[in-house]
Amino acid sequence: MKLKVYTPSDIFLNREVKKVVAESPAGSFCILPRHIDYVTALTTGILSYLTPEDEERFLAIDKGVLVKLADEVRVAESG
């Protein structure tokens, strides 16, 4: 699936991933490619993703919104 991370001024990240893990007000969650479509607010924390090469990468998130639609995960980061 494709992960796109948007900042207020640019697209910060646009790449294929195997998995995304983030934190919402309800707690930590994981999104895999066949996950249902999903929308949630993100709280301050760490967003991690797994690359196709099985490397785990990390991003600090201040606040934002995550939208999973079809084969794409979009994160709009506010800070």
N, C-alpha and C. Protein backbone atom coordinates (compact mmCIF):
# COMPACT_ATOMS: atom_id res chain seq x y z
N MET A 1 0.84 -1.17 0.00
CA MET A 1 0.00 0.00 0.00
C MET A 1 0.89 1.23 0.00
N LYS A 2 0.33 2.36 -0.35
CA LYS A 2 1.06 3.61 -0.45
C LYS A 2 0.82 4.45 0.81
N LEU A 3 1.90 4.97 1.41
CA LEU A 3 1.81 5.89 2.54
C LEU A 3 2.22 7.27 2.07
N LYS A 4 1.33 8.25 2.29
CA LYS A 4 1.64 9.64 1.98
C LYS A 4 1.49 10.46 3.26
N VAL A 5 2.52 11.21 3.61
CA VAL A 5 2.49 12.07 4.79
C VAL A 5 2.61 13.51 4.30
N TYR A 6 1.60 14.29 4.64
CA TYR A 6 1.54 15.69 4.24
C TYR A 6 1.84 16.59 5.43
N THR A 7 2.66 17.62 5.23
CA THR A 7 2.85 18.68 6.22
C THR A 7 2.07 19.89 5.70
N PRO A 8 1.96 20.95 6.49
CA PRO A 8 1.22 22.11 5.99
C PRO A 8 1.78 22.70 4.69
N SER A 9 3.05 22.48 4.41
CA SER A 9 3.65 23.11 3.23
C SER A 9 4.09 22.17 2.11
N ASP A 10 4.05 20.84 2.34
CA ASP A 10 4.64 19.95 1.34
C ASP A 10 4.20 18.50 1.58
N ILE A 11 4.54 17.64 0.64
CA ILE A 11 4.42 16.20 0.85
C ILE A 11 5.74 15.74 1.43
N PHE A 12 5.72 15.25 2.66
CA PHE A 12 6.93 14.85 3.35
C PHE A 12 7.39 13.46 2.94
N LEU A 13 6.43 12.55 2.72
CA LEU A 13 6.77 11.16 2.43
C LEU A 13 5.74 10.60 1.45
N ASN A 14 6.22 9.83 0.48
CA ASN A 14 5.35 9.19 -0.50
C ASN A 14 6.03 7.90 -0.92
N ARG A 15 5.63 6.76 -0.29
CA ARG A 15 6.31 5.50 -0.60
C ARG A 15 5.43 4.29 -0.32
N GLU A 16 5.83 3.17 -0.88
CA GLU A 16 5.16 1.90 -0.64
C GLU A 16 5.55 1.39 0.74
N VAL A 17 4.58 0.83 1.46
CA VAL A 17 4.83 0.26 2.78
C VAL A 17 4.04 -1.03 2.94
N LYS A 18 4.46 -1.85 3.90
CA LYS A 18 3.75 -3.09 4.23
C LYS A 18 2.80 -2.92 5.41
N LYS A 19 3.12 -1.95 6.30
CA LYS A 19 2.37 -1.80 7.54
C LYS A 19 2.57 -0.40 8.08
N VAL A 20 1.52 0.14 8.74
CA VAL A 20 1.61 1.44 9.42
C VAL A 20 1.08 1.26 10.84
N VAL A 21 1.82 1.79 11.82
CA VAL A 21 1.39 1.76 13.22
C VAL A 21 1.41 3.20 13.73
N ALA A 22 0.29 3.63 14.34
CA ALA A 22 0.19 5.01 14.83
C ALA A 22 -0.64 5.04 16.11
N GLU A 23 -0.78 6.25 16.67
CA GLU A 23 -1.53 6.41 17.92
C GLU A 23 -2.69 7.38 17.72
N SER A 24 -3.88 6.93 18.11
CA SER A 24 -5.08 7.76 18.08
C SER A 24 -5.48 8.06 19.53
N PRO A 25 -6.49 8.89 19.74
CA PRO A 25 -6.95 9.12 21.12
C PRO A 25 -7.40 7.84 21.82
N ALA A 26 -7.80 6.83 21.06
CA ALA A 26 -8.24 5.55 21.64
C ALA A 26 -7.08 4.58 21.89
N GLY A 27 -5.88 4.91 21.41
CA GLY A 27 -4.72 4.05 21.62
C GLY A 27 -4.01 3.72 20.31
N SER A 28 -3.03 2.84 20.41
CA SER A 28 -2.22 2.45 19.27
C SER A 28 -3.00 1.52 18.35
N PHE A 29 -2.74 1.62 17.04
CA PHE A 29 -3.40 0.75 16.08
C PHE A 29 -2.45 0.45 14.92
N CYS A 30 -2.76 -0.61 14.19
CA CYS A 30 -1.95 -1.06 13.06
C CYS A 30 -2.84 -1.15 11.83
N ILE A 31 -2.31 -0.70 10.70
CA ILE A 31 -3.03 -0.82 9.43
C ILE A 31 -2.19 -1.67 8.48
N LEU A 32 -2.81 -2.71 7.97
CA LEU A 32 -2.21 -3.59 6.97
C LEU A 32 -2.92 -3.37 5.63
N PRO A 33 -2.37 -3.86 4.52
CA PRO A 33 -2.94 -3.56 3.20
C PRO A 33 -4.42 -3.89 3.03
N ARG A 34 -4.94 -4.93 3.64
CA ARG A 34 -6.34 -5.29 3.43
C ARG A 34 -7.26 -4.77 4.54
N HIS A 35 -6.76 -3.83 5.33
CA HIS A 35 -7.55 -3.21 6.40
C HIS A 35 -8.74 -2.47 5.79
N ILE A 36 -9.85 -2.42 6.52
CA ILE A 36 -11.01 -1.67 6.04
C ILE A 36 -10.65 -0.19 5.96
N ASP A 37 -11.40 0.56 5.16
CA ASP A 37 -11.20 2.00 5.09
C ASP A 37 -11.44 2.58 6.48
N TYR A 38 -10.68 3.61 6.83
CA TYR A 38 -10.60 4.05 8.22
C TYR A 38 -10.20 5.51 8.28
N VAL A 39 -10.77 6.26 9.22
CA VAL A 39 -10.40 7.65 9.47
C VAL A 39 -10.27 7.84 10.97
N THR A 40 -9.17 8.51 11.40
CA THR A 40 -9.00 8.78 12.82
C THR A 40 -8.11 10.00 13.02
N ALA A 41 -8.28 10.65 14.15
CA ALA A 41 -7.36 11.70 14.58
C ALA A 41 -6.10 11.02 15.10
N LEU A 42 -4.98 11.69 14.96
CA LEU A 42 -3.72 11.18 15.52
C LEU A 42 -3.30 12.08 16.67
N THR A 43 -2.77 11.45 17.71
CA THR A 43 -2.26 12.20 18.86
C THR A 43 -0.74 12.30 18.74
N THR A 44 -0.16 13.11 19.58
CA THR A 44 1.29 13.25 19.61
C THR A 44 1.91 11.89 19.91
N GLY A 45 2.85 11.48 19.08
CA GLY A 45 3.49 10.18 19.28
C GLY A 45 4.35 9.80 18.09
N ILE A 46 4.59 8.52 17.98
CA ILE A 46 5.45 7.98 16.93
C ILE A 46 4.60 7.19 15.94
N LEU A 47 4.75 7.49 14.66
CA LEU A 47 4.16 6.70 13.59
C LEU A 47 5.29 5.85 13.03
N SER A 48 5.06 4.56 12.94
CA SER A 48 6.08 3.69 12.34
C SER A 48 5.51 3.01 11.12
N TYR A 49 6.40 2.65 10.20
CA TYR A 49 5.97 1.93 9.01
C TYR A 49 7.04 0.92 8.62
N LEU A 50 6.61 -0.12 7.95
CA LEU A 50 7.50 -1.18 7.51
C LEU A 50 7.65 -1.07 6.01
N THR A 51 8.89 -0.94 5.55
CA THR A 51 9.15 -0.81 4.11
C THR A 51 9.04 -2.18 3.43
N PRO A 52 8.95 -2.19 2.10
CA PRO A 52 8.93 -3.48 1.39
C PRO A 52 10.19 -4.31 1.63
N GLU A 53 11.28 -3.66 2.05
CA GLU A 53 12.54 -4.35 2.37
C GLU A 53 12.59 -4.80 3.83
N ASP A 54 11.46 -4.72 4.53
CA ASP A 54 11.32 -5.10 5.95
C ASP A 54 12.16 -4.25 6.90
N GLU A 55 12.36 -2.98 6.55
CA GLU A 55 13.02 -2.03 7.45
C GLU A 55 11.94 -1.22 8.16
N GLU A 56 12.04 -1.13 9.49
CA GLU A 56 11.08 -0.34 10.24
C GLU A 56 11.58 1.09 10.34
N ARG A 57 10.73 2.04 9.99
CA ARG A 57 11.08 3.46 10.04
C ARG A 57 10.11 4.18 10.97
N PHE A 58 10.55 5.32 11.52
CA PHE A 58 9.77 6.03 12.52
C PHE A 58 9.65 7.51 12.16
N LEU A 59 8.47 8.08 12.45
CA LEU A 59 8.23 9.51 12.28
C LEU A 59 7.58 10.05 13.55
N ALA A 60 8.03 11.20 14.00
CA ALA A 60 7.37 11.87 15.13
C ALA A 60 6.18 12.65 14.58
N ILE A 61 5.03 12.47 15.22
CA ILE A 61 3.81 13.15 14.81
C ILE A 61 3.34 14.03 15.96
N ASP A 62 3.08 15.30 15.67
CA ASP A 62 2.56 16.19 16.70
C ASP A 62 1.06 15.92 16.86
N LYS A 63 0.30 16.23 15.87
CA LYS A 63 -1.13 15.93 15.80
C LYS A 63 -1.46 15.81 14.33
N GLY A 64 -2.57 15.19 14.03
CA GLY A 64 -2.96 15.11 12.64
C GLY A 64 -4.17 14.23 12.43
N VAL A 65 -4.37 13.86 11.17
CA VAL A 65 -5.49 13.01 10.77
C VAL A 65 -4.94 11.93 9.85
N LEU A 66 -5.42 10.70 10.04
CA LEU A 66 -5.04 9.59 9.18
C LEU A 66 -6.29 9.10 8.46
N VAL A 67 -6.14 8.91 7.14
CA VAL A 67 -7.22 8.38 6.32
C VAL A 67 -6.68 7.18 5.56
N LYS A 68 -7.31 6.02 5.74
CA LYS A 68 -6.97 4.82 4.96
C LYS A 68 -8.11 4.62 3.98
N LEU A 69 -7.81 4.70 2.68
CA LEU A 69 -8.82 4.55 1.63
C LEU A 69 -8.24 3.67 0.53
N ALA A 70 -8.87 2.52 0.32
CA ALA A 70 -8.41 1.54 -0.68
C ALA A 70 -6.97 1.14 -0.35
N ASP A 71 -6.04 1.35 -1.27
CA ASP A 71 -4.66 0.93 -1.04
C ASP A 71 -3.74 2.09 -0.67
N GLU A 72 -4.32 3.14 -0.09
CA GLU A 72 -3.53 4.32 0.26
C GLU A 72 -3.82 4.76 1.69
N VAL A 73 -2.76 5.12 2.41
CA VAL A 73 -2.88 5.70 3.75
C VAL A 73 -2.33 7.12 3.66
N ARG A 74 -3.18 8.08 4.00
CA ARG A 74 -2.78 9.49 3.96
C ARG A 74 -2.76 10.03 5.38
N VAL A 75 -1.68 10.73 5.70
CA VAL A 75 -1.55 11.36 7.02
C VAL A 75 -1.32 12.84 6.80
N ALA A 76 -2.19 13.66 7.38
CA ALA A 76 -2.03 15.11 7.36
C ALA A 76 -1.53 15.50 8.73
N GLU A 77 -0.27 15.92 8.81
CA GLU A 77 0.37 16.26 10.08
C GLU A 77 0.28 17.77 10.26
N SER A 78 -0.15 18.19 11.44
CA SER A 78 -0.42 19.62 11.64
C SER A 78 0.77 20.43 12.13
N GLY A 79 1.78 19.77 12.63
CA GLY A 79 2.82 20.54 13.28
C GLY A 79 4.06 20.67 12.53
